[in-house]
Amino acid sequence: MTIEKFEDIISWQKGKELTVLAYRLFKNNRDYSYKDQILRAVVSICNNIAEGFERRSNKEFQQFLFIAKGSCAEVRSMLYVGLELGYVTQSDFKIAYNLSLEVSKLISGLIKTL
């Protein structure tokens, strides 16, 4: 299957799902520093996949995918902090963590194909 637009990329689709989840989980969080950091990181995932794809160069795309993968790790790290501080329940943590891990693995697979 040929990917014609970034919206066709499964890691972008799952990254968007993770982004929407994070916005819902932290919409009422009053720790604005924490909230800003995790939301910037989660948005960075799909935005870097999209931007890299639009560059139309495998080398540049790969660089942006590595950035997106790093943002996945940042989100997981922030989720641990959020769990410790009581900003997220254990159940929501598991859902968001697993989705972030899935996105990271999908990005790794995409990197290997380039």
PDB file of N, CA and C in Angstrom:
ATOM      1  N   MET A   1       0.833  -1.190   0.000  1.00  0.00           N
ATOM      2  CA  MET A   1       0.000   0.000   0.000  1.00  0.00           C
ATOM      3  C   MET A   1       0.876   1.251   0.000  1.00  0.00           C
ATOM      4  N   THR A   2       0.566   2.147  -0.872  1.00  0.00           N
ATOM      5  CA  THR A   2       1.292   3.411  -0.954  1.00  0.00           C
ATOM      6  C   THR A   2       0.597   4.448  -0.079  1.00  0.00           C
ATOM      7  N   ILE A   3       1.390   5.123   0.699  1.00  0.00           N
ATOM      8  CA  ILE A   3       0.858   6.189   1.547  1.00  0.00           C
ATOM      9  C   ILE A   3       0.868   7.463   0.720  1.00  0.00           C
ATOM     10  N   GLU A   4      -0.309   8.043   0.530  1.00  0.00           N
ATOM     11  CA  GLU A   4      -0.416   9.240  -0.297  1.00  0.00           C
ATOM     12  C   GLU A   4      -0.457  10.525   0.508  1.00  0.00           C
ATOM     13  N   LYS A   5      -0.942  10.430   1.739  1.00  0.00           N
ATOM     14  CA  LYS A   5      -1.001  11.610   2.597  1.00  0.00           C
ATOM     15  C   LYS A   5      -0.719  11.176   4.035  1.00  0.00           C
ATOM     16  N   PHE A   6      -0.267  12.125   4.850  1.00  0.00           N
ATOM     17  CA  PHE A   6       0.133  11.750   6.208  1.00  0.00           C
ATOM     18  C   PHE A   6      -1.014  11.159   7.003  1.00  0.00           C
ATOM     19  N   GLU A   7      -2.247  11.525   6.661  1.00  0.00           N
ATOM     20  CA  GLU A   7      -3.406  11.000   7.378  1.00  0.00           C
ATOM     21  C   GLU A   7      -3.568   9.483   7.195  1.00  0.00           C
ATOM     22  N   ASP A   8      -2.904   8.920   6.177  1.00  0.00           N
ATOM     23  CA  ASP A   8      -2.950   7.476   5.928  1.00  0.00           C
ATOM     24  C   ASP A   8      -1.993   6.700   6.839  1.00  0.00           C
ATOM     25  N   ILE A   9      -1.091   7.390   7.489  1.00  0.00           N
ATOM     26  CA  ILE A   9      -0.048   6.743   8.301  1.00  0.00           C
ATOM     27  C   ILE A   9      -0.652   6.319   9.638  1.00  0.00           C
ATOM     28  N   ILE A  10      -0.565   5.041   9.937  1.00  0.00           N
ATOM     29  CA  ILE A  10      -1.184   4.503  11.161  1.00  0.00           C
ATOM     30  C   ILE A  10      -0.587   5.142  12.412  1.00  0.00           C
ATOM     31  N   SER A  11       0.714   5.365  12.426  1.00  0.00           N
ATOM     32  CA  SER A  11       1.322   5.985  13.618  1.00  0.00           C
ATOM     33  C   SER A  11       0.798   7.407  13.809  1.00  0.00           C
ATOM     34  N   TRP A  12       0.485   8.110  12.713  1.00  0.00           N
ATOM     35  CA  TRP A  12      -0.123   9.443  12.850  1.00  0.00           C
ATOM     36  C   TRP A  12      -1.535   9.321  13.421  1.00  0.00           C
ATOM     37  N   GLN A  13      -2.307   8.354  12.908  1.00  0.00           N
ATOM     38  CA  GLN A  13      -3.679   8.145  13.383  1.00  0.00           C
ATOM     39  C   GLN A  13      -3.706   7.824  14.867  1.00  0.00           C
ATOM     40  N   LYS A  14      -2.823   6.917  15.284  1.00  0.00           N
ATOM     41  CA  LYS A  14      -2.743   6.544  16.702  1.00  0.00           C
ATOM     42  C   LYS A  14      -2.198   7.700  17.539  1.00  0.00           C
ATOM     43  N   GLY A  15      -1.270   8.466  16.987  1.00  0.00           N
ATOM     44  CA  GLY A  15      -0.743   9.643  17.682  1.00  0.00           C
ATOM     45  C   GLY A  15      -1.835  10.677  17.913  1.00  0.00           C
ATOM     46  N   LYS A  16      -2.698  10.854  16.926  1.00  0.00           N
ATOM     47  CA  LYS A  16      -3.828  11.778  17.070  1.00  0.00           C
ATOM     48  C   LYS A  16      -4.777  11.275  18.146  1.00  0.00           C
ATOM     49  N   GLU A  17      -4.989   9.966  18.168  1.00  0.00           N
ATOM     50  CA  GLU A  17      -5.843   9.363  19.210  1.00  0.00           C
ATOM     51  C   GLU A  17      -5.258   9.633  20.597  1.00  0.00           C
ATOM     52  N   LEU A  18      -3.950   9.482  20.725  1.00  0.00           N
ATOM     53  CA  LEU A  18      -3.273   9.753  21.988  1.00  0.00           C
ATOM     54  C   LEU A  18      -3.377  11.233  22.358  1.00  0.00           C
ATOM     55  N   THR A  19      -3.273  12.103  21.372  1.00  0.00           N
ATOM     56  CA  THR A  19      -3.376  13.542  21.610  1.00  0.00           C
ATOM     57  C   THR A  19      -4.748  13.909  22.159  1.00  0.00           C
ATOM     58  N   VAL A  20      -5.787  13.388  21.522  1.00  0.00           N
ATOM     59  CA  VAL A  20      -7.159  13.669  21.973  1.00  0.00           C
ATOM     60  C   VAL A  20      -7.365  13.133  23.389  1.00  0.00           C
ATOM     61  N   LEU A  21      -6.846  11.935  23.648  1.00  0.00           N
ATOM     62  CA  LEU A  21      -6.948  11.347  24.987  1.00  0.00           C
ATOM     63  C   LEU A  21      -6.268  12.241  26.021  1.00  0.00           C
ATOM     64  N   ALA A  22      -5.060  12.698  25.718  1.00  0.00           N
ATOM     65  CA  ALA A  22      -4.320  13.545  26.660  1.00  0.00           C
ATOM     66  C   ALA A  22      -5.068  14.851  26.929  1.00  0.00           C
ATOM     67  N   TYR A  23      -5.597  15.447  25.890  1.00  0.00           N
ATOM     68  CA  TYR A  23      -6.359  16.691  26.082  1.00  0.00           C
ATOM     69  C   TYR A  23      -7.573  16.449  26.975  1.00  0.00           C
ATOM     70  N   ARG A  24      -8.214  15.313  26.807  1.00  0.00           N
ATOM     71  CA  ARG A  24      -9.373  15.001  27.652  1.00  0.00           C
ATOM     72  C   ARG A  24      -8.952  14.721  29.095  1.00  0.00           C
ATOM     73  N   LEU A  25      -7.855  13.987  29.259  1.00  0.00           N
ATOM     74  CA  LEU A  25      -7.398  13.637  30.608  1.00  0.00           C
ATOM     75  C   LEU A  25      -6.968  14.855  31.412  1.00  0.00           C
ATOM     76  N   PHE A  26      -6.356  15.822  30.749  1.00  0.00           N
ATOM     77  CA  PHE A  26      -5.745  16.928  31.482  1.00  0.00           C
ATOM     78  C   PHE A  26      -6.449  18.267  31.283  1.00  0.00           C
ATOM     79  N   LYS A  27      -7.645  18.255  30.692  1.00  0.00           N
ATOM     80  CA  LYS A  27      -8.331  19.521  30.398  1.00  0.00           C
ATOM     81  C   LYS A  27      -8.632  20.332  31.655  1.00  0.00           C
ATOM     82  N   ASN A  28      -8.875  19.693  32.772  1.00  0.00           N
ATOM     83  CA  ASN A  28      -9.192  20.417  34.007  1.00  0.00           C
ATOM     84  C   ASN A  28      -8.007  20.517  34.972  1.00  0.00           C
ATOM     85  N   ASN A  29      -6.843  20.084  34.522  1.00  0.00           N
ATOM     86  CA  ASN A  29      -5.654  20.120  35.374  1.00  0.00           C
ATOM     87  C   ASN A  29      -5.209  21.565  35.572  1.00  0.00           C
ATOM     88  N   ARG A  30      -5.009  21.953  36.820  1.00  0.00           N
ATOM     89  CA  ARG A  30      -4.639  23.339  37.124  1.00  0.00           C
ATOM     90  C   ARG A  30      -3.130  23.544  37.269  1.00  0.00           C
ATOM     91  N   ASP A  31      -2.367  22.466  37.154  1.00  0.00           N
ATOM     92  CA  ASP A  31      -0.909  22.600  37.128  1.00  0.00           C
ATOM     93  C   ASP A  31      -0.533  22.909  35.679  1.00  0.00           C
ATOM     94  N   TYR A  32      -0.556  24.201  35.362  1.00  0.00           N
ATOM     95  CA  TYR A  32      -0.419  24.621  33.973  1.00  0.00           C
ATOM     96  C   TYR A  32       0.944  24.283  33.384  1.00  0.00           C
ATOM     97  N   SER A  33       1.959  24.250  34.207  1.00  0.00           N
ATOM     98  CA  SER A  33       3.286  23.884  33.726  1.00  0.00           C
ATOM     99  C   SER A  33       3.299  22.423  33.277  1.00  0.00           C
ATOM    100  N   TYR A  34       2.771  21.550  34.115  1.00  0.00           N
ATOM    101  CA  TYR A  34       2.688  20.127  33.775  1.00  0.00           C
ATOM    102  C   TYR A  34       1.820  19.929  32.538  1.00  0.00           C
ATOM    103  N   LYS A  35       0.639  20.524  32.578  1.00  0.00           N
ATOM    104  CA  LYS A  35      -0.333  20.365  31.493  1.00  0.00           C
ATOM    105  C   LYS A  35       0.264  20.839  30.164  1.00  0.00           C
ATOM    106  N   ASP A  36       0.906  21.990  30.175  1.00  0.00           N
ATOM    107  CA  ASP A  36       1.514  22.530  28.966  1.00  0.00           C
ATOM    108  C   ASP A  36       2.590  21.592  28.426  1.00  0.00           C
ATOM    109  N   GLN A  37       3.409  21.060  29.318  1.00  0.00           N
ATOM    110  CA  GLN A  37       4.521  20.204  28.897  1.00  0.00           C
ATOM    111  C   GLN A  37       4.029  18.909  28.266  1.00  0.00           C
ATOM    112  N   ILE A  38       3.094  18.236  28.904  1.00  0.00           N
ATOM    113  CA  ILE A  38       2.627  16.956  28.358  1.00  0.00           C
ATOM    114  C   ILE A  38       1.835  17.171  27.065  1.00  0.00           C
ATOM    115  N   LEU A  39       1.059  18.257  26.997  1.00  0.00           N
ATOM    116  CA  LEU A  39       0.288  18.507  25.780  1.00  0.00           C
ATOM    117  C   LEU A  39       1.196  18.918  24.619  1.00  0.00           C
ATOM    118  N   ARG A  40       2.237  19.672  24.896  1.00  0.00           N
ATOM    119  CA  ARG A  40       3.203  20.013  23.833  1.00  0.00           C
ATOM    120  C   ARG A  40       3.881  18.747  23.315  1.00  0.00           C
ATOM    121  N   ALA A  41       4.240  17.861  24.219  1.00  0.00           N
ATOM    122  CA  ALA A  41       4.917  16.630  23.818  1.00  0.00           C
ATOM    123  C   ALA A  41       3.996  15.744  22.984  1.00  0.00           C
ATOM    124  N   VAL A  42       2.752  15.612  23.408  1.00  0.00           N
ATOM    125  CA  VAL A  42       1.839  14.707  22.697  1.00  0.00           C
ATOM    126  C   VAL A  42       1.474  15.269  21.321  1.00  0.00           C
ATOM    127  N   VAL A  43       1.304  16.580  21.224  1.00  0.00           N
ATOM    128  CA  VAL A  43       1.011  17.197  19.926  1.00  0.00           C
ATOM    129  C   VAL A  43       2.211  17.068  18.991  1.00  0.00           C
ATOM    130  N   SER A  44       3.391  17.107  19.559  1.00  0.00           N
ATOM    131  CA  SER A  44       4.613  16.991  18.777  1.00  0.00           C
ATOM    132  C   SER A  44       4.691  15.665  18.022  1.00  0.00           C
ATOM    133  N   ILE A  45       4.085  14.622  18.565  1.00  0.00           N
ATOM    134  CA  ILE A  45       4.146  13.305  17.926  1.00  0.00           C
ATOM    135  C   ILE A  45       3.526  13.366  16.530  1.00  0.00           C
ATOM    136  N   CYS A  46       2.241  13.691  16.463  1.00  0.00           N
ATOM    137  CA  CYS A  46       1.589  13.674  15.145  1.00  0.00           C
ATOM    138  C   CYS A  46       2.064  14.812  14.252  1.00  0.00           C
ATOM    139  N   ASN A  47       2.390  15.951  14.834  1.00  0.00           N
ATOM    140  CA  ASN A  47       2.863  17.058  14.008  1.00  0.00           C
ATOM    141  C   ASN A  47       4.189  16.743  13.334  1.00  0.00           C
ATOM    142  N   ASN A  48       5.085  16.070  14.040  1.00  0.00           N
ATOM    143  CA  ASN A  48       6.368  15.714  13.432  1.00  0.00           C
ATOM    144  C   ASN A  48       6.216  14.634  12.371  1.00  0.00           C
ATOM    145  N   ILE A  49       5.303  13.709  12.585  1.00  0.00           N
ATOM    146  CA  ILE A  49       5.039  12.704  11.552  1.00  0.00           C
ATOM    147  C   ILE A  49       4.508  13.392  10.299  1.00  0.00           C
ATOM    148  N   ALA A  50       3.547  14.295  10.481  1.00  0.00           N
ATOM    149  CA  ALA A  50       2.960  15.014   9.345  1.00  0.00           C
ATOM    150  C   ALA A  50       3.994  15.876   8.626  1.00  0.00           C
ATOM    151  N   GLU A  51       4.737  16.663   9.393  1.00  0.00           N
ATOM    152  CA  GLU A  51       5.718  17.559   8.775  1.00  0.00           C
ATOM    153  C   GLU A  51       6.800  16.780   8.047  1.00  0.00           C
ATOM    154  N   GLY A  52       7.283  15.725   8.679  1.00  0.00           N
ATOM    155  CA  GLY A  52       8.318  14.910   8.042  1.00  0.00           C
ATOM    156  C   GLY A  52       7.841  14.277   6.748  1.00  0.00           C
ATOM    157  N   PHE A  53       6.622  13.780   6.740  1.00  0.00           N
ATOM    158  CA  PHE A  53       6.065  13.167   5.537  1.00  0.00           C
ATOM    159  C   PHE A  53       5.971  14.184   4.401  1.00  0.00           C
ATOM    160  N   GLU A  54       5.543  15.381   4.727  1.00  0.00           N
ATOM    161  CA  GLU A  54       5.355  16.413   3.713  1.00  0.00           C
ATOM    162  C   GLU A  54       6.671  16.913   3.123  1.00  0.00           C
ATOM    163  N   ARG A  55       7.780  16.620   3.772  1.00  0.00           N
ATOM    164  CA  ARG A  55       9.087  17.033   3.242  1.00  0.00           C
ATOM    165  C   ARG A  55       9.445  16.251   1.981  1.00  0.00           C
ATOM    166  N   ARG A  56       8.820  15.100   1.786  1.00  0.00           N
ATOM    167  CA  ARG A  56       9.004  14.256   0.586  1.00  0.00           C
ATOM    168  C   ARG A  56      10.443  13.791   0.390  1.00  0.00           C
ATOM    169  N   SER A  57      11.128  13.620   1.498  1.00  0.00           N
ATOM    170  CA  SER A  57      12.488  13.092   1.464  1.00  0.00           C
ATOM    171  C   SER A  57      12.583  12.059   2.589  1.00  0.00           C
ATOM    172  N   ASN A  58      12.976  10.836   2.246  1.00  0.00           N
ATOM    173  CA  ASN A  58      13.056   9.792   3.262  1.00  0.00           C
ATOM    174  C   ASN A  58      14.003  10.160   4.401  1.00  0.00           C
ATOM    175  N   LYS A  59      15.115  10.803   4.060  1.00  0.00           N
ATOM    176  CA  LYS A  59      16.085  11.183   5.093  1.00  0.00           C
ATOM    177  C   LYS A  59      15.470  12.189   6.070  1.00  0.00           C
ATOM    178  N   GLU A  60      14.813  13.219   5.536  1.00  0.00           N
ATOM    179  CA  GLU A  60      14.183  14.207   6.411  1.00  0.00           C
ATOM    180  C   GLU A  60      13.021  13.594   7.182  1.00  0.00           C
ATOM    181  N   PHE A  61      12.237  12.765   6.500  1.00  0.00           N
ATOM    182  CA  PHE A  61      11.113  12.097   7.164  1.00  0.00           C
ATOM    183  C   PHE A  61      11.617  11.297   8.352  1.00  0.00           C
ATOM    184  N   GLN A  62      12.702  10.574   8.150  1.00  0.00           N
ATOM    185  CA  GLN A  62      13.279   9.764   9.217  1.00  0.00           C
ATOM    186  C   GLN A  62      13.697  10.633  10.407  1.00  0.00           C
ATOM    187  N   GLN A  63      14.286  11.784  10.139  1.00  0.00           N
ATOM    188  CA  GLN A  63      14.691  12.695  11.221  1.00  0.00           C
ATOM    189  C   GLN A  63      13.471  13.136  12.036  1.00  0.00           C
ATOM    190  N   PHE A  64      12.395  13.484  11.352  1.00  0.00           N
ATOM    191  CA  PHE A  64      11.183  13.912  12.045  1.00  0.00           C
ATOM    192  C   PHE A  64      10.548  12.752  12.816  1.00  0.00           C
ATOM    193  N   LEU A  65      10.671  11.543  12.284  1.00  0.00           N
ATOM    194  CA  LEU A  65      10.140  10.374  12.991  1.00  0.00           C
ATOM    195  C   LEU A  65      10.910  10.125  14.284  1.00  0.00           C
ATOM    196  N   PHE A  66      12.215  10.341  14.253  1.00  0.00           N
ATOM    197  CA  PHE A  66      12.994  10.189  15.485  1.00  0.00           C
ATOM    198  C   PHE A  66      12.566  11.222  16.533  1.00  0.00           C
ATOM    199  N   ILE A  67      12.250  12.429  16.084  1.00  0.00           N
ATOM    200  CA  ILE A  67      11.762  13.454  17.012  1.00  0.00           C
ATOM    201  C   ILE A  67      10.414  13.026  17.593  1.00  0.00           C
ATOM    202  N   ALA A  68       9.531  12.518  16.730  1.00  0.00           N
ATOM    203  CA  ALA A  68       8.215  12.048  17.186  1.00  0.00           C
ATOM    204  C   ALA A  68       8.371  10.916  18.190  1.00  0.00           C
ATOM    205  N   LYS A  69       9.310  10.018  17.935  1.00  0.00           N
ATOM    206  CA  LYS A  69       9.568   8.898  18.852  1.00  0.00           C
ATOM    207  C   LYS A  69      10.065   9.420  20.200  1.00  0.00           C
ATOM    208  N   GLY A  70      10.914  10.420  20.177  1.00  0.00           N
ATOM    209  CA  GLY A  70      11.380  11.043  21.414  1.00  0.00           C
ATOM    210  C   GLY A  70      10.238  11.682  22.183  1.00  0.00           C
ATOM    211  N   SER A  71       9.309  12.279  21.459  1.00  0.00           N
ATOM    212  CA  SER A  71       8.140  12.882  22.107  1.00  0.00           C
ATOM    213  C   SER A  71       7.265  11.816  22.762  1.00  0.00           C
ATOM    214  N   CYS A  72       7.195  10.639  22.153  1.00  0.00           N
ATOM    215  CA  CYS A  72       6.457   9.526  22.784  1.00  0.00           C
ATOM    216  C   CYS A  72       7.061   9.179  24.142  1.00  0.00           C
ATOM    217  N   ALA A  73       8.383   9.143  24.190  1.00  0.00           N
ATOM    218  CA  ALA A  73       9.067   8.844  25.448  1.00  0.00           C
ATOM    219  C   ALA A  73       8.801   9.950  26.472  1.00  0.00           C
ATOM    220  N   GLU A  74       8.792  11.185  26.010  1.00  0.00           N
ATOM    221  CA  GLU A  74       8.509  12.314  26.914  1.00  0.00           C
ATOM    222  C   GLU A  74       7.096  12.199  27.488  1.00  0.00           C
ATOM    223  N   VAL A  75       6.146  11.831  26.650  1.00  0.00           N
ATOM    224  CA  VAL A  75       4.766  11.655  27.126  1.00  0.00           C
ATOM    225  C   VAL A  75       4.716  10.566  28.190  1.00  0.00           C
ATOM    226  N   ARG A  76       5.377   9.446  27.943  1.00  0.00           N
ATOM    227  CA  ARG A  76       5.369   8.359  28.941  1.00  0.00           C
ATOM    228  C   ARG A  76       6.015   8.818  30.246  1.00  0.00           C
ATOM    229  N   SER A  77       7.092   9.559  30.150  1.00  0.00           N
ATOM    230  CA  SER A  77       7.754  10.076  31.347  1.00  0.00           C
ATOM    231  C   SER A  77       6.822  11.001  32.120  1.00  0.00           C
ATOM    232  N   MET A  78       6.142  11.882  31.401  1.00  0.00           N
ATOM    233  CA  MET A  78       5.204  12.811  32.039  1.00  0.00           C
ATOM    234  C   MET A  78       4.012  12.069  32.635  1.00  0.00           C
ATOM    235  N   LEU A  79       3.600  10.984  32.015  1.00  0.00           N
ATOM    236  CA  LEU A  79       2.500  10.187  32.569  1.00  0.00           C
ATOM    237  C   LEU A  79       2.888   9.608  33.927  1.00  0.00           C
ATOM    238  N   TYR A  80       4.130   9.146  34.058  1.00  0.00           N
ATOM    239  CA  TYR A  80       4.599   8.643  35.356  1.00  0.00           C
ATOM    240  C   TYR A  80       4.515   9.735  36.424  1.00  0.00           C
ATOM    241  N   VAL A  81       4.954  10.934  36.058  1.00  0.00           N
ATOM    242  CA  VAL A  81       4.899  12.055  36.998  1.00  0.00           C
ATOM    243  C   VAL A  81       3.444  12.349  37.358  1.00  0.00           C
ATOM    244  N   GLY A  82       2.589  12.372  36.341  1.00  0.00           N
ATOM    245  CA  GLY A  82       1.172  12.625  36.565  1.00  0.00           C
ATOM    246  C   GLY A  82       0.525  11.590  37.457  1.00  0.00           C
ATOM    247  N   LEU A  83       0.941  10.351  37.309  1.00  0.00           N
ATOM    248  CA  LEU A  83       0.421   9.276  38.161  1.00  0.00           C
ATOM    249  C   LEU A  83       0.852   9.493  39.610  1.00  0.00           C
ATOM    250  N   GLU A  84       2.119   9.800  39.805  1.00  0.00           N
ATOM    251  CA  GLU A  84       2.652  10.034  41.153  1.00  0.00           C
ATOM    252  C   GLU A  84       1.982  11.223  41.836  1.00  0.00           C
ATOM    253  N   LEU A  85       1.638  12.233  41.050  1.00  0.00           N
ATOM    254  CA  LEU A  85       1.025  13.437  41.612  1.00  0.00           C
ATOM    255  C   LEU A  85      -0.501  13.346  41.707  1.00  0.00           C
ATOM    256  N   GLY A  86      -1.039  12.245  41.234  1.00  0.00           N
ATOM    257  CA  GLY A  86      -2.486  12.062  41.288  1.00  0.00           C
ATOM    258  C   GLY A  86      -3.247  12.803  40.196  1.00  0.00           C
ATOM    259  N   TYR A  87      -2.544  13.187  39.131  1.00  0.00           N
ATOM    260  CA  TYR A  87      -3.188  13.888  38.027  1.00  0.00           C
ATOM    261  C   TYR A  87      -3.916  12.930  37.084  1.00  0.00           C
ATOM    262  N   VAL A  88      -3.558  11.666  37.158  1.00  0.00           N
ATOM    263  CA  VAL A  88      -4.141  10.657  36.280  1.00  0.00           C
ATOM    264  C   VAL A  88      -4.349   9.378  37.096  1.00  0.00           C
ATOM    265  N   THR A  89      -5.443   8.695  36.844  1.00  0.00           N
ATOM    266  CA  THR A  89      -5.712   7.444  37.560  1.00  0.00           C
ATOM    267  C   THR A  89      -4.828   6.334  37.000  1.00  0.00           C
ATOM    268  N   GLN A  90      -4.698   5.270  37.762  1.00  0.00           N
ATOM    269  CA  GLN A  90      -3.920   4.115  37.306  1.00  0.00           C
ATOM    270  C   GLN A  90      -4.504   3.562  36.006  1.00  0.00           C
ATOM    271  N   SER A  91      -5.811   3.514  35.923  1.00  0.00           N
ATOM    272  CA  SER A  91      -6.483   3.006  34.731  1.00  0.00           C
ATOM    273  C   SER A  91      -6.205   3.880  33.511  1.00  0.00           C
ATOM    274  N   ASP A  92      -6.356   5.189  33.662  1.00  0.00           N
ATOM    275  CA  ASP A  92      -6.087   6.106  32.549  1.00  0.00           C
ATOM    276  C   ASP A  92      -4.599   6.114  32.190  1.00  0.00           C
ATOM    277  N   PHE A  93      -3.755   5.987  33.203  1.00  0.00           N
ATOM    278  CA  PHE A  93      -2.311   5.901  32.957  1.00  0.00           C
ATOM    279  C   PHE A  93      -2.010   4.723  32.044  1.00  0.00           C
ATOM    280  N   LYS A  94      -2.564   3.552  32.378  1.00  0.00           N
ATOM    281  CA  LYS A  94      -2.303   2.342  31.580  1.00  0.00           C
ATOM    282  C   LYS A  94      -2.756   2.512  30.134  1.00  0.00           C
ATOM    283  N   ILE A  95      -3.934   3.089  29.952  1.00  0.00           N
ATOM    284  CA  ILE A  95      -4.458   3.299  28.601  1.00  0.00           C
ATOM    285  C   ILE A  95      -3.538   4.230  27.808  1.00  0.00           C
ATOM    286  N   ALA A  96      -3.204   5.371  28.396  1.00  0.00           N
ATOM    287  CA  ALA A  96      -2.360   6.357  27.708  1.00  0.00           C
ATOM    288  C   ALA A  96      -0.948   5.818  27.501  1.00  0.00           C
ATOM    289  N   TYR A  97      -0.408   5.143  28.518  1.00  0.00           N
ATOM    290  CA  TYR A  97       0.939   4.588  28.421  1.00  0.00           C
ATOM    291  C   TYR A  97       1.012   3.561  27.293  1.00  0.00           C
ATOM    292  N   ASN A  98       0.060   2.637  27.276  1.00  0.00           N
ATOM    293  CA  ASN A  98       0.067   1.585  26.254  1.00  0.00           C
ATOM    294  C   ASN A  98      -0.112   2.159  24.854  1.00  0.00           C
ATOM    295  N   LEU A  99      -0.954   3.158  24.722  1.00  0.00           N
ATOM    296  CA  LEU A  99      -1.145   3.793  23.421  1.00  0.00           C
ATOM    297  C   LEU A  99       0.137   4.496  22.979  1.00  0.00           C
ATOM    298  N   SER A 100       0.800   5.158  23.906  1.00  0.00           N
ATOM    299  CA  SER A 100       2.062   5.819  23.599  1.00  0.00           C
ATOM    300  C   SER A 100       3.124   4.804  23.177  1.00  0.00           C
ATOM    301  N   LEU A 101       3.162   3.691  23.870  1.00  0.00           N
ATOM    302  CA  LEU A 101       4.109   2.626  23.514  1.00  0.00           C
ATOM    303  C   LEU A 101       3.800   2.069  22.130  1.00  0.00           C
ATOM    304  N   GLU A 102       2.527   1.891  21.830  1.00  0.00           N
ATOM    305  CA  GLU A 102       2.115   1.403  20.511  1.00  0.00           C
ATOM    306  C   GLU A 102       2.547   2.377  19.415  1.00  0.00           C
ATOM    307  N   VAL A 103       2.328   3.666  19.642  1.00  0.00           N
ATOM    308  CA  VAL A 103       2.729   4.687  18.667  1.00  0.00           C
ATOM    309  C   VAL A 103       4.240   4.642  18.460  1.00  0.00           C
ATOM    310  N   SER A 104       4.990   4.521  19.550  1.00  0.00           N
ATOM    311  CA  SER A 104       6.439   4.466  19.464  1.00  0.00           C
ATOM    312  C   SER A 104       6.904   3.266  18.630  1.00  0.00           C
ATOM    313  N   LYS A 105       6.279   2.124  18.838  1.00  0.00           N
ATOM    314  CA  LYS A 105       6.632   0.920  18.066  1.00  0.00           C
ATOM    315  C   LYS A 105       6.261   1.079  16.590  1.00  0.00           C
ATOM    316  N   LEU A 106       5.114   1.684  16.329  1.00  0.00           N
ATOM    317  CA  LEU A 106       4.717   1.931  14.941  1.00  0.00           C
ATOM    318  C   LEU A 106       5.705   2.862  14.246  1.00  0.00           C
ATOM    319  N   ILE A 107       6.146   3.886  14.963  1.00  0.00           N
ATOM    320  CA  ILE A 107       7.135   4.814  14.394  1.00  0.00           C
ATOM    321  C   ILE A 107       8.436   4.078  14.122  1.00  0.00           C
ATOM    322  N   SER A 108       8.861   3.220  15.038  1.00  0.00           N
ATOM    323  CA  SER A 108      10.081   2.444  14.831  1.00  0.00           C
ATOM    324  C   SER A 108       9.984   1.596  13.569  1.00  0.00           C
ATOM    325  N   GLY A 109       8.840   0.970  13.380  1.00  0.00           N
ATOM    326  CA  GLY A 109       8.629   0.166  12.189  1.00  0.00           C
ATOM    327  C   GLY A 109       8.685   1.005  10.924  1.00  0.00           C
ATOM    328  N   LEU A 110       8.121   2.194  10.987  1.00  0.00           N
ATOM    329  CA  LEU A 110       8.145   3.093   9.838  1.00  0.00           C
ATOM    330  C   LEU A 110       9.565   3.541   9.539  1.00  0.00           C
ATOM    331  N   ILE A 111      10.327   3.841  10.570  1.00  0.00           N
ATOM    332  CA  ILE A 111      11.729   4.237  10.394  1.00  0.00           C
ATOM    333  C   ILE A 111      12.497   3.130   9.690  1.00  0.00           C
ATOM    334  N   LYS A 112      12.261   1.888  10.097  1.00  0.00           N
ATOM    335  CA  LYS A 112      12.981   0.757   9.504  1.00  0.00           C
ATOM    336  C   LYS A 112      12.640   0.573   8.031  1.00  0.00           C
ATOM    337  N   THR A 113      11.436   0.932   7.630  1.00  0.00           N
ATOM    338  CA  THR A 113      11.044   0.766   6.227  1.00  0.00           C
ATOM    339  C   THR A 113      11.638   1.840   5.310  1.00  0.00           C
ATOM    340  N   LEU A 114      12.109   2.935   5.891  1.00  0.00           N
ATOM    341  CA  LEU A 114      12.618   4.039   5.052  1.00  0.00           C
ATOM    342  C   LEU A 114      14.027   3.791   4.581  1.00  0.00           C
TER     343      LEU A 114
END
